[in-house]
Protein backbone atom coordinates (compact mmCIF):
# COMPACT_ATOMS: atom_id res chain seq x y z
CA UNK A 1 11.27 -27.63 25.47
CA UNK A 2 15.03 -27.76 25.39
CA UNK A 3 17.07 -24.59 25.13
CA UNK A 4 18.54 -25.26 21.69
CA UNK A 5 15.11 -26.20 20.34
CA UNK A 6 13.72 -22.96 21.72
CA UNK A 7 16.56 -20.98 20.14
CA UNK A 8 16.04 -22.70 16.77
CA UNK A 9 12.35 -21.80 16.80
CA UNK A 10 13.17 -18.24 17.83
CA UNK A 11 15.81 -17.90 15.11
CA UNK A 12 13.44 -19.30 12.49
CA UNK A 13 10.73 -16.84 13.51
CA UNK A 14 13.15 -13.91 13.43
CA UNK A 15 14.42 -14.89 9.97
CA UNK A 16 10.90 -15.46 8.62
CA UNK A 17 9.88 -12.01 9.87
CA UNK A 18 12.90 -10.17 8.45
CA UNK A 19 14.44 -9.78 11.93
CA UNK A 20 11.56 -7.62 13.10
CA UNK A 21 11.88 -7.05 16.85
CA UNK A 22 8.09 -7.35 17.16
CA UNK A 23 8.63 -11.11 16.71
CA UNK A 24 9.97 -11.39 20.26
CA UNK A 25 6.62 -10.23 21.62
CA UNK A 26 5.09 -13.55 20.58
CA UNK A 27 7.62 -15.68 22.45
CA UNK A 28 7.07 -16.86 25.96
CA UNK A 29 9.37 -18.47 28.48
CA UNK A 30 6.47 -19.53 30.64
CA UNK A 31 6.35 -22.98 29.01
CA UNK A 32 10.06 -23.61 29.56
CA UNK A 33 11.69 -25.14 32.64
CA UNK A 34 14.16 -22.42 33.70
CA UNK A 35 16.29 -24.82 35.71
CA UNK A 36 16.66 -27.04 32.64
CA UNK A 37 17.73 -23.98 30.64
CA UNK A 38 20.31 -23.17 33.29
CA UNK A 39 21.66 -26.73 33.22
CA UNK A 40 21.84 -26.70 29.42
CA UNK A 41 23.64 -23.34 29.40
CA UNK A 42 26.18 -24.67 31.89
CA UNK A 43 26.65 -27.81 29.78
CA UNK A 44 27.11 -25.80 26.57
CA UNK A 45 29.58 -23.51 28.31
CA UNK A 46 31.54 -26.41 29.77
CA UNK A 47 31.64 -28.36 26.52
CA UNK A 48 32.70 -25.32 24.48
CA UNK A 49 30.00 -25.96 21.85
CA UNK A 50 29.59 -22.21 21.48
CA UNK A 51 31.91 -19.24 21.89
CA UNK A 52 31.72 -17.25 25.12
CA UNK A 53 30.22 -14.31 23.21
CA UNK A 54 27.46 -16.51 21.76
CA UNK A 55 26.62 -17.86 25.20
CA UNK A 56 26.47 -14.32 26.59
CA UNK A 57 24.08 -13.33 23.77
CA UNK A 58 21.82 -16.24 24.70
CA UNK A 59 21.96 -15.22 28.35
CA UNK A 60 21.11 -11.60 27.46
CA UNK A 61 18.09 -12.76 25.44
CA UNK A 62 16.91 -14.89 28.36
CA UNK A 63 17.31 -11.94 30.73
CA UNK A 64 15.23 -9.76 28.39
CA UNK A 65 12.47 -12.36 28.14
CA UNK A 66 12.44 -13.00 31.91
CA UNK A 67 12.25 -9.29 32.68
CA UNK A 68 9.40 -8.89 30.25
CA UNK A 69 7.39 -11.90 31.40
CA UNK A 70 7.95 -12.28 35.11
CA UNK A 71 7.68 -10.24 38.24
CA UNK A 72 11.16 -11.29 39.37
CA UNK A 73 13.48 -8.53 40.53
CA UNK A 74 16.12 -7.56 37.94
CA UNK A 75 19.01 -8.49 40.26
CA UNK A 76 17.50 -11.95 40.81
CA UNK A 77 17.21 -12.51 37.07
CA UNK A 78 20.80 -11.43 36.40
CA UNK A 79 21.99 -13.59 39.28
CA UNK A 80 20.10 -16.64 38.01
CA UNK A 81 21.25 -16.29 34.40
CA UNK A 82 24.79 -14.94 34.69
CA UNK A 83 26.23 -15.95 38.04
CA UNK A 84 24.96 -19.47 38.65
CA UNK A 85 22.53 -18.20 41.28
CA UNK A 86 25.11 -16.39 43.37
CA UNK A 87 24.35 -12.85 44.42
CA UNK A 88 25.87 -10.22 42.17
CA UNK A 89 27.53 -7.29 43.90
CA UNK A 90 27.35 -4.17 41.73
CA UNK A 91 30.18 -1.69 42.11
């Protein structure tokens, strides 16, 4: 499933459920190719289809879902989503 398709489905579910945060419990990233998501995010960012703030909101949602559904270390998730796979050095 492509990233924008996933986001459309998620948005539709949230709207249909009056923005109830319980809706996110039913969504899974396990059926999505994470590398394809990363490529699509980079394309969207490079093509300026969305504002920087909107892209960061999408990234934050992906981080939340990955933390909830995987055993990956938090730093690895942030690195994958926000820094193009480079290690993040926290000050």
